[in-house]
Amino acid sequence: MLEETNNDWEAVLFCLLAKNFGLNTNGETFLQIAKALPFTIIRKESFEIENLEALFFGVSGLLDNEKEDVYFEDLKFRFFYLLHKYQIEKPIVSPVQFFKHRPDNFPTIRLSQLAAVYYKHQNLFSKIIRLKSVESVYNVLSVSSSLYWQNHYQFDKESLKKPKLLSKTFIDLIIVNTIIPLQFAYSNINGEIIAEDLIDFMKEVASEKNAIVDKFISFGLKPKNAFESQTLLELKNEYCNQKKCLQCAIGVELLKNNR
């Protein structure tokens, strides 16, 4: 990705953040959106959150329909103005998915929050690369969706007003899947060895909560932090999924207990 962006670490961070803001369902689509938008444009338009939302929603295809919503029309106008301004064609990306998502994870909300991050921080990489504690990340990523999305989850459908803040649980996922890998890659390229520091950093992060971790917990293996839950996820991929139970100390122990 660094090669694709001509060694632009800010652009790499943008792509990684976008992918993780999309979670499992929309991650690849959000990554396509990020790659379709030259980061030079994001830099120039980050002083107006409406322009960032126009770019994100426009490329995602969420502005393709006709609606009577005033904000929708404003974003649509901004989007086509920006396409003309930068002389680019509208990219084609995979459609975003709403199905099976809780409303707070709707792609509309996550794209608005991603826009809010870049509206708040014009030089995000230089800040992210120095962060060494969970609390410091919470402070940097303490953002909310824009005003419109405080009482909407979709265009044209008003809902009860609710601030759509990035939760600590969501930021923990960003730390594990974006910040720590990025810091590791950056330090390696610069000849620094910080693996032990990053492991300590990950031990500060709460354990993930998902079906795989829950299954391990049911076997009596309860991770104390994200470092331990990540080891269990790796164990699942490299041993459980490969049916290598007899090559795994935990697998052997479980088989003994089930005799």
C-alpha atoms as a PDB file:
ATOM      1  CA  MET A   1       0.000   0.000   0.000  1.00  0.00           C
ATOM      2  CA  LEU A   2       2.916   2.324   0.700  1.00  0.00           C
ATOM      3  CA  GLU A   3       4.231   1.635  -2.802  1.00  0.00           C
ATOM      4  CA  GLU A   4       0.767   2.274  -4.292  1.00  0.00           C
ATOM      5  CA  THR A   5       0.630   5.697  -2.595  1.00  0.00           C
ATOM      6  CA  ASN A   6       4.174   6.806  -3.512  1.00  0.00           C
ATOM      7  CA  ASN A   7       5.375   6.467   0.083  1.00  0.00           C
ATOM      8  CA  ASP A   8       2.605   8.660   1.494  1.00  0.00           C
ATOM      9  CA  TRP A   9       2.076   7.396   5.044  1.00  0.00           C
ATOM     10  CA  GLU A  10      -0.942   9.687   5.523  1.00  0.00           C
ATOM     11  CA  ALA A  11      -2.610   8.041   2.529  1.00  0.00           C
ATOM     12  CA  VAL A  12      -1.803   4.565   3.856  1.00  0.00           C
ATOM     13  CA  LEU A  13      -3.321   5.456   7.229  1.00  0.00           C
ATOM     14  CA  PHE A  14      -6.427   6.774   5.456  1.00  0.00           C
ATOM     15  CA  CYS A  15      -6.857   3.497   3.575  1.00  0.00           C
ATOM     16  CA  LEU A  16      -6.345   1.362   6.696  1.00  0.00           C
ATOM     17  CA  LEU A  17      -8.715   3.484   8.772  1.00  0.00           C
ATOM     18  CA  ALA A  18     -11.368   3.402   6.053  1.00  0.00           C
ATOM     19  CA  LYS A  19     -11.163  -0.388   5.824  1.00  0.00           C
ATOM     20  CA  ASN A  20     -11.524  -0.779   9.568  1.00  0.00           C
ATOM     21  CA  PHE A  21     -14.344   1.746   9.825  1.00  0.00           C
ATOM     22  CA  GLY A  22     -16.221  -0.505   7.410  1.00  0.00           C
ATOM     23  CA  LEU A  23     -15.823  -3.507   9.730  1.00  0.00           C
ATOM     24  CA  ASN A  24     -16.110  -6.995   8.214  1.00  0.00           C
ATOM     25  CA  THR A  25     -19.167  -6.322   6.069  1.00  0.00           C
ATOM     26  CA  ASN A  26     -18.198  -3.021   4.443  1.00  0.00           C
ATOM     27  CA  GLY A  27     -14.438  -3.065   4.993  1.00  0.00           C
ATOM     28  CA  GLU A  28     -13.488  -3.894   1.402  1.00  0.00           C
ATOM     29  CA  THR A  29     -15.958  -1.350   0.011  1.00  0.00           C
ATOM     30  CA  PHE A  30     -14.658   1.389   2.335  1.00  0.00           C
ATOM     31  CA  LEU A  31     -11.127   0.497   1.231  1.00  0.00           C
ATOM     32  CA  GLN A  32     -12.211   0.860  -2.405  1.00  0.00           C
ATOM     33  CA  ILE A  33     -13.664   4.281  -1.562  1.00  0.00           C
ATOM     34  CA  ALA A  34     -10.405   5.383   0.084  1.00  0.00           C
ATOM     35  CA  LYS A  35      -8.285   4.147  -2.820  1.00  0.00           C
ATOM     36  CA  ALA A  36     -10.585   5.832  -5.346  1.00  0.00           C
ATOM     37  CA  LEU A  37     -10.037   9.245  -3.738  1.00  0.00           C
ATOM     38  CA  PRO A  38      -6.539  10.715  -4.173  1.00  0.00           C
ATOM     39  CA  PHE A  39      -5.425  11.702  -0.688  1.00  0.00           C
ATOM     40  CA  THR A  40      -4.317  15.087  -2.010  1.00  0.00           C
ATOM     41  CA  ILE A  41      -8.031  15.855  -2.389  1.00  0.00           C
ATOM     42  CA  ILE A  42      -8.784  14.732   1.176  1.00  0.00           C
ATOM     43  CA  ARG A  43      -6.017  17.045   2.416  1.00  0.00           C
ATOM     44  CA  LYS A  44      -7.419  20.028   0.529  1.00  0.00           C
ATOM     45  CA  GLU A  45     -11.061  19.450   1.475  1.00  0.00           C
ATOM     46  CA  SER A  46     -10.588  18.445   5.123  1.00  0.00           C
ATOM     47  CA  PHE A  47     -11.416  21.957   6.342  1.00  0.00           C
ATOM     48  CA  GLU A  48     -15.107  21.441   5.462  1.00  0.00           C
ATOM     49  CA  ILE A  49     -16.712  18.316   6.871  1.00  0.00           C
ATOM     50  CA  GLU A  50     -19.586  18.614   4.393  1.00  0.00           C
ATOM     51  CA  ASN A  51     -17.130  18.290   1.503  1.00  0.00           C
ATOM     52  CA  LEU A  52     -15.571  15.194   3.038  1.00  0.00           C
ATOM     53  CA  GLU A  53     -19.001  13.647   3.545  1.00  0.00           C
ATOM     54  CA  ALA A  54     -19.936  14.578  -0.031  1.00  0.00           C
ATOM     55  CA  LEU A  55     -16.850  12.745  -1.333  1.00  0.00           C
ATOM     56  CA  PHE A  56     -17.340   9.654   0.851  1.00  0.00           C
ATOM     57  CA  PHE A  57     -21.086   9.347   0.265  1.00  0.00           C
ATOM     58  CA  GLY A  58     -20.777  10.205  -3.413  1.00  0.00           C
ATOM     59  CA  VAL A  59     -18.126   7.599  -4.190  1.00  0.00           C
ATOM     60  CA  SER A  60     -19.998   5.000  -2.115  1.00  0.00           C
ATOM     61  CA  GLY A  61     -23.081   5.423  -4.319  1.00  0.00           C
ATOM     62  CA  LEU A  62     -25.247   6.638  -1.442  1.00  0.00           C
ATOM     63  CA  LEU A  63     -26.047   9.829  -3.377  1.00  0.00           C
ATOM     64  CA  ASP A  64     -27.115   8.065  -6.580  1.00  0.00           C
ATOM     65  CA  ASN A  65     -30.868   8.180  -5.913  1.00  0.00           C
ATOM     66  CA  GLU A  66     -33.236  11.150  -5.860  1.00  0.00           C
ATOM     67  CA  LYS A  67     -34.467  12.364  -2.481  1.00  0.00           C
ATOM     68  CA  GLU A  68     -36.244  15.456  -1.181  1.00  0.00           C
ATOM     69  CA  ASP A  69     -33.905  15.682   1.807  1.00  0.00           C
ATOM     70  CA  VAL A  70     -32.175  19.094   1.858  1.00  0.00           C
ATOM     71  CA  TYR A  71     -28.877  17.753   3.249  1.00  0.00           C
ATOM     72  CA  PHE A  72     -28.862  14.948   0.682  1.00  0.00           C
ATOM     73  CA  GLU A  73     -29.267  17.492  -2.129  1.00  0.00           C
ATOM     74  CA  ASP A  74     -26.520  19.685  -0.665  1.00  0.00           C
ATOM     75  CA  LEU A  75     -24.070  16.768  -0.510  1.00  0.00           C
ATOM     76  CA  LYS A  76     -24.974  15.699  -4.027  1.00  0.00           C
ATOM     77  CA  PHE A  77     -24.338  19.208  -5.370  1.00  0.00           C
ATOM     78  CA  ARG A  78     -21.012  19.380  -3.512  1.00  0.00           C
ATOM     79  CA  PHE A  79     -19.974  15.966  -4.805  1.00  0.00           C
ATOM     80  CA  PHE A  80     -20.458  16.773  -8.477  1.00  0.00           C
ATOM     81  CA  TYR A  81     -18.863  20.188  -7.977  1.00  0.00           C
ATOM     82  CA  LEU A  82     -15.780  18.487  -6.461  1.00  0.00           C
ATOM     83  CA  LEU A  83     -15.624  15.950  -9.289  1.00  0.00           C
ATOM     84  CA  HIS A  84     -15.597  18.849 -11.753  1.00  0.00           C
ATOM     85  CA  LYS A  85     -13.135  20.855  -9.648  1.00  0.00           C
ATOM     86  CA  TYR A  86     -10.564  18.045  -9.578  1.00  0.00           C
ATOM     87  CA  GLN A  87     -11.361  16.751 -13.056  1.00  0.00           C
ATOM     88  CA  ILE A  88     -12.039  13.186 -11.943  1.00  0.00           C
ATOM     89  CA  GLU A  89     -14.728  10.714 -12.973  1.00  0.00           C
ATOM     90  CA  LYS A  90     -17.072   9.121 -10.468  1.00  0.00           C
ATOM     91  CA  PRO A  91     -15.428   5.842  -9.394  1.00  0.00           C
ATOM     92  CA  ILE A  92     -17.368   2.587  -9.346  1.00  0.00           C
ATOM     93  CA  VAL A  93     -17.158   0.676  -6.059  1.00  0.00           C
ATOM     94  CA  SER A  94     -19.051  -2.243  -4.531  1.00  0.00           C
ATOM     95  CA  PRO A  95     -22.367  -1.264  -2.903  1.00  0.00           C
ATOM     96  CA  VAL A  96     -22.341  -0.694   0.854  1.00  0.00           C
ATOM     97  CA  GLN A  97     -24.371  -3.047   3.021  1.00  0.00           C
ATOM     98  CA  PHE A  98     -26.896  -2.104   5.707  1.00  0.00           C
ATOM     99  CA  PHE A  99     -28.224  -5.633   6.226  1.00  0.00           C
ATOM    100  CA  LYS A 100     -27.574  -7.258   9.633  1.00  0.00           C
ATOM    101  CA  HIS A 101     -25.920  -4.127  11.026  1.00  0.00           C
ATOM    102  CA  ARG A 102     -26.971  -2.383  14.194  1.00  0.00           C
ATOM    103  CA  PRO A 103     -27.938   1.217  13.280  1.00  0.00           C
ATOM    104  CA  ASP A 104     -24.794   2.641  14.931  1.00  0.00           C
ATOM    105  CA  ASN A 105     -22.739   0.542  12.493  1.00  0.00           C
ATOM    106  CA  PHE A 106     -24.648   1.650   9.391  1.00  0.00           C
ATOM    107  CA  PRO A 107     -22.242   2.735   6.635  1.00  0.00           C
ATOM    108  CA  THR A 108     -23.786   6.218   6.711  1.00  0.00           C
ATOM    109  CA  ILE A 109     -22.757   6.677  10.346  1.00  0.00           C
ATOM    110  CA  ARG A 110     -19.291   5.194   9.934  1.00  0.00           C
ATOM    111  CA  LEU A 111     -18.535   7.320   6.847  1.00  0.00           C
ATOM    112  CA  SER A 112     -19.666  10.442   8.697  1.00  0.00           C
ATOM    113  CA  GLN A 113     -17.426   9.548  11.660  1.00  0.00           C
ATOM    114  CA  LEU A 114     -14.485   8.925   9.321  1.00  0.00           C
ATOM    115  CA  ALA A 115     -15.082  12.356   7.806  1.00  0.00           C
ATOM    116  CA  ALA A 116     -15.168  13.822  11.327  1.00  0.00           C
ATOM    117  CA  VAL A 117     -11.751  12.297  12.107  1.00  0.00           C
ATOM    118  CA  TYR A 118     -10.175  13.980   9.078  1.00  0.00           C
ATOM    119  CA  TYR A 119     -12.007  17.230   9.708  1.00  0.00           C
ATOM    120  CA  LYS A 120     -10.604  17.323  13.245  1.00  0.00           C
ATOM    121  CA  HIS A 121      -7.042  16.216  12.345  1.00  0.00           C
ATOM    122  CA  GLN A 122      -5.410  17.530   9.175  1.00  0.00           C
ATOM    123  CA  ASN A 123      -2.084  15.769   9.972  1.00  0.00           C
ATOM    124  CA  LEU A 124      -3.374  12.594  11.536  1.00  0.00           C
ATOM    125  CA  PHE A 125      -0.429  10.292  10.778  1.00  0.00           C
ATOM    126  CA  SER A 126       2.073  12.481  12.628  1.00  0.00           C
ATOM    127  CA  LYS A 127      -0.171  12.225  15.711  1.00  0.00           C
ATOM    128  CA  ILE A 128      -1.062   8.533  15.417  1.00  0.00           C
ATOM    129  CA  ILE A 129       2.531   7.370  14.993  1.00  0.00           C
ATOM    130  CA  ARG A 130       3.524   8.849  18.374  1.00  0.00           C
ATOM    131  CA  LEU A 131       0.645   7.432  20.425  1.00  0.00           C
ATOM    132  CA  LYS A 132       1.763   4.882  23.008  1.00  0.00           C
ATOM    133  CA  SER A 133      -1.250   4.486  25.292  1.00  0.00           C
ATOM    134  CA  VAL A 134      -4.900   3.593  24.937  1.00  0.00           C
ATOM    135  CA  GLU A 135      -6.029   6.819  26.616  1.00  0.00           C
ATOM    136  CA  SER A 136      -4.018   8.931  24.179  1.00  0.00           C
ATOM    137  CA  VAL A 137      -5.766   7.201  21.257  1.00  0.00           C
ATOM    138  CA  TYR A 138      -9.174   7.765  22.862  1.00  0.00           C
ATOM    139  CA  ASN A 139      -8.367  11.472  23.095  1.00  0.00           C
ATOM    140  CA  VAL A 140      -7.340  11.750  19.433  1.00  0.00           C
ATOM    141  CA  LEU A 141     -10.257   9.708  18.083  1.00  0.00           C
ATOM    142  CA  SER A 142     -12.883  11.317  20.281  1.00  0.00           C
ATOM    143  CA  VAL A 143     -15.188  12.416  17.452  1.00  0.00           C
ATOM    144  CA  SER A 144     -18.862  12.321  16.625  1.00  0.00           C
ATOM    145  CA  SER A 145     -20.782  12.142  13.375  1.00  0.00           C
ATOM    146  CA  SER A 146     -21.908  15.473  11.893  1.00  0.00           C
ATOM    147  CA  LEU A 147     -25.045  17.237  13.115  1.00  0.00           C
ATOM    148  CA  TYR A 148     -27.332  15.763  10.449  1.00  0.00           C
ATOM    149  CA  TRP A 149     -26.529  12.222  11.510  1.00  0.00           C
ATOM    150  CA  GLN A 150     -27.327  12.896  15.141  1.00  0.00           C
ATOM    151  CA  ASN A 151     -30.999  12.459  14.285  1.00  0.00           C
ATOM    152  CA  HIS A 152     -30.674  10.282  11.176  1.00  0.00           C
ATOM    153  CA  TYR A 153     -29.353   6.824  10.323  1.00  0.00           C
ATOM    154  CA  GLN A 154     -30.363   7.046   6.679  1.00  0.00           C
ATOM    155  CA  PHE A 155     -31.214   9.941   4.390  1.00  0.00           C
ATOM    156  CA  ASP A 156     -34.851  11.086   4.528  1.00  0.00           C
ATOM    157  CA  LYS A 157     -35.615   9.091   7.702  1.00  0.00           C
ATOM    158  CA  GLU A 158     -35.501  11.148  10.873  1.00  0.00           C
ATOM    159  CA  SER A 159     -34.819   9.369  14.182  1.00  0.00           C
ATOM    160  CA  LEU A 160     -34.498  10.306  17.840  1.00  0.00           C
ATOM    161  CA  LYS A 161     -31.537  12.600  18.401  1.00  0.00           C
ATOM    162  CA  LYS A 162     -28.450  10.763  19.627  1.00  0.00           C
ATOM    163  CA  PRO A 163     -24.775  11.774  19.442  1.00  0.00           C
ATOM    164  CA  LYS A 164     -22.977   9.166  17.338  1.00  0.00           C
ATOM    165  CA  LEU A 165     -19.624   9.112  19.145  1.00  0.00           C
ATOM    166  CA  LEU A 166     -16.907   6.593  18.379  1.00  0.00           C
ATOM    167  CA  SER A 167     -17.172   4.111  21.238  1.00  0.00           C
ATOM    168  CA  LYS A 168     -14.144   2.926  23.188  1.00  0.00           C
ATOM    169  CA  THR A 169     -14.845  -0.619  21.990  1.00  0.00           C
ATOM    170  CA  PHE A 170     -14.712   0.548  18.366  1.00  0.00           C
ATOM    171  CA  ILE A 171     -11.532   2.561  18.973  1.00  0.00           C
ATOM    172  CA  ASP A 172      -9.966  -0.550  20.552  1.00  0.00           C
ATOM    173  CA  LEU A 173     -10.506  -2.333  17.221  1.00  0.00           C
ATOM    174  CA  ILE A 174      -8.819   0.583  15.439  1.00  0.00           C
ATOM    175  CA  ILE A 175      -5.831   0.325  17.799  1.00  0.00           C
ATOM    176  CA  VAL A 176      -5.429  -3.417  17.177  1.00  0.00           C
ATOM    177  CA  ASN A 177      -6.120  -3.477  13.436  1.00  0.00           C
ATOM    178  CA  THR A 178      -4.747  -0.117  12.281  1.00  0.00           C
ATOM    179  CA  ILE A 179      -2.563   1.791  14.729  1.00  0.00           C
ATOM    180  CA  ILE A 180      -0.329  -0.984  16.068  1.00  0.00           C
ATOM    181  CA  PRO A 181       0.302  -2.610  12.638  1.00  0.00           C
ATOM    182  CA  LEU A 182       1.053   0.828  11.162  1.00  0.00           C
ATOM    183  CA  GLN A 183       3.468   1.730  13.958  1.00  0.00           C
ATOM    184  CA  PHE A 184       5.167  -1.664  13.541  1.00  0.00           C
ATOM    185  CA  ALA A 185       5.579  -1.207   9.757  1.00  0.00           C
ATOM    186  CA  TYR A 186       6.794   2.387  10.114  1.00  0.00           C
ATOM    187  CA  SER A 187       9.374   1.483  12.772  1.00  0.00           C
ATOM    188  CA  ASN A 188      10.641  -1.466  10.717  1.00  0.00           C
ATOM    189  CA  ILE A 189      11.165   0.677   7.621  1.00  0.00           C
ATOM    190  CA  ASN A 190      13.040   3.203   9.760  1.00  0.00           C
ATOM    191  CA  GLY A 191      15.238   0.532  11.345  1.00  0.00           C
ATOM    192  CA  GLU A 192      13.687   0.755  14.814  1.00  0.00           C
ATOM    193  CA  ILE A 193      12.787  -2.256  16.955  1.00  0.00           C
ATOM    194  CA  ILE A 194       9.655  -1.524  18.992  1.00  0.00           C
ATOM    195  CA  ALA A 195       7.885  -4.908  18.953  1.00  0.00           C
ATOM    196  CA  GLU A 196       8.059  -5.309  22.746  1.00  0.00           C
ATOM    197  CA  ASP A 197       6.648  -1.797  23.242  1.00  0.00           C
ATOM    198  CA  LEU A 198       3.771  -2.600  20.875  1.00  0.00           C
ATOM    199  CA  ILE A 199       3.023  -5.836  22.721  1.00  0.00           C
ATOM    200  CA  ASP A 200       2.835  -3.840  25.971  1.00  0.00           C
ATOM    201  CA  PHE A 201       0.579  -1.343  24.153  1.00  0.00           C
ATOM    202  CA  MET A 202      -1.730  -4.150  23.022  1.00  0.00           C
ATOM    203  CA  LYS A 203      -1.882  -5.520  26.561  1.00  0.00           C
ATOM    204  CA  GLU A 204      -3.504  -2.212  27.588  1.00  0.00           C
ATOM    205  CA  VAL A 205      -6.376  -2.805  25.162  1.00  0.00           C
ATOM    206  CA  ALA A 206      -9.449  -4.731  26.307  1.00  0.00           C
ATOM    207  CA  SER A 207     -10.028  -8.168  24.806  1.00  0.00           C
ATOM    208  CA  GLU A 208     -12.182  -8.331  21.678  1.00  0.00           C
ATOM    209  CA  LYS A 209     -15.715  -9.626  22.028  1.00  0.00           C
ATOM    210  CA  ASN A 210     -16.743 -11.947  19.221  1.00  0.00           C
ATOM    211  CA  ALA A 211     -18.017 -15.466  18.593  1.00  0.00           C
ATOM    212  CA  ILE A 212     -14.526 -16.975  18.346  1.00  0.00           C
ATOM    213  CA  VAL A 213     -13.344 -15.491  21.646  1.00  0.00           C
ATOM    214  CA  ASP A 214     -16.638 -16.516  23.288  1.00  0.00           C
ATOM    215  CA  LYS A 215     -16.047 -20.118  22.177  1.00  0.00           C
ATOM    216  CA  PHE A 216     -12.595 -20.155  23.769  1.00  0.00           C
ATOM    217  CA  ILE A 217     -14.074 -18.662  26.947  1.00  0.00           C
ATOM    218  CA  SER A 218     -16.573 -21.545  27.037  1.00  0.00           C
ATOM    219  CA  PHE A 219     -13.539 -23.880  27.130  1.00  0.00           C
ATOM    220  CA  GLY A 220     -12.119 -21.987  30.104  1.00  0.00           C
ATOM    221  CA  LEU A 221      -9.679 -19.785  28.155  1.00  0.00           C
ATOM    222  CA  LYS A 222     -10.582 -16.213  29.027  1.00  0.00           C
ATOM    223  CA  PRO A 223      -8.224 -13.603  27.525  1.00  0.00           C
ATOM    224  CA  LYS A 224      -7.273 -10.722  29.832  1.00  0.00           C
ATOM    225  CA  ASN A 225      -6.500  -8.244  27.041  1.00  0.00           C
ATOM    226  CA  ALA A 226      -6.303  -7.754  23.261  1.00  0.00           C
ATOM    227  CA  PHE A 227      -2.849  -9.328  23.080  1.00  0.00           C
ATOM    228  CA  GLU A 228      -4.259 -12.579  24.465  1.00  0.00           C
ATOM    229  CA  SER A 229      -7.462 -12.457  22.402  1.00  0.00           C
ATOM    230  CA  GLN A 230      -5.380 -11.872  19.263  1.00  0.00           C
ATOM    231  CA  THR A 231      -3.337 -14.980  20.079  1.00  0.00           C
ATOM    232  CA  LEU A 232      -6.583 -16.967  20.314  1.00  0.00           C
ATOM    233  CA  LEU A 233      -7.754 -15.653  16.937  1.00  0.00           C
ATOM    234  CA  GLU A 234      -4.405 -16.671  15.432  1.00  0.00           C
ATOM    235  CA  LEU A 235      -4.693 -20.062  17.107  1.00  0.00           C
ATOM    236  CA  LYS A 236      -8.160 -20.508  15.556  1.00  0.00           C
ATOM    237  CA  ASN A 237      -6.880 -19.616  12.068  1.00  0.00           C
ATOM    238  CA  GLU A 238      -3.631 -21.591  12.150  1.00  0.00           C
ATOM    239  CA  TYR A 239      -4.636 -24.643  14.186  1.00  0.00           C
ATOM    240  CA  CYS A 240      -8.402 -25.074  14.689  1.00  0.00           C
ATOM    241  CA  ASN A 241      -9.309 -24.235  11.083  1.00  0.00           C
ATOM    242  CA  GLN A 242      -6.453 -26.436   9.833  1.00  0.00           C
ATOM    243  CA  LYS A 243      -7.549 -29.332  12.102  1.00  0.00           C
ATOM    244  CA  LYS A 244      -4.121 -29.426  13.760  1.00  0.00           C
ATOM    245  CA  CYS A 245      -5.548 -30.279  17.184  1.00  0.00           C
ATOM    246  CA  LEU A 246      -2.863 -32.858  17.939  1.00  0.00           C
ATOM    247  CA  GLN A 247      -0.112 -30.296  17.266  1.00  0.00           C
ATOM    248  CA  CYS A 248      -1.671 -27.808  19.699  1.00  0.00           C
ATOM    249  CA  ALA A 249      -1.164 -28.017  23.465  1.00  0.00           C
ATOM    250  CA  ILE A 250      -4.632 -26.605  24.083  1.00  0.00           C
ATOM    251  CA  GLY A 251      -6.196 -28.979  21.548  1.00  0.00           C
ATOM    252  CA  VAL A 252      -4.519 -31.993  23.141  1.00  0.00           C
ATOM    253  CA  GLU A 253      -5.697 -30.918  26.604  1.00  0.00           C
ATOM    254  CA  LEU A 254      -9.276 -30.456  25.408  1.00  0.00           C
ATOM    255  CA  LEU A 255      -9.260 -33.886  23.735  1.00  0.00           C
ATOM    256  CA  LYS A 256      -7.990 -35.467  26.977  1.00  0.00           C
ATOM    257  CA  ASN A 257     -10.800 -33.838  28.941  1.00  0.00           C
ATOM    258  CA  ASN A 258     -13.421 -35.042  26.466  1.00  0.00           C
ATOM    259  CA  ARG A 259     -12.480 -38.732  26.733  1.00  0.00           C
END
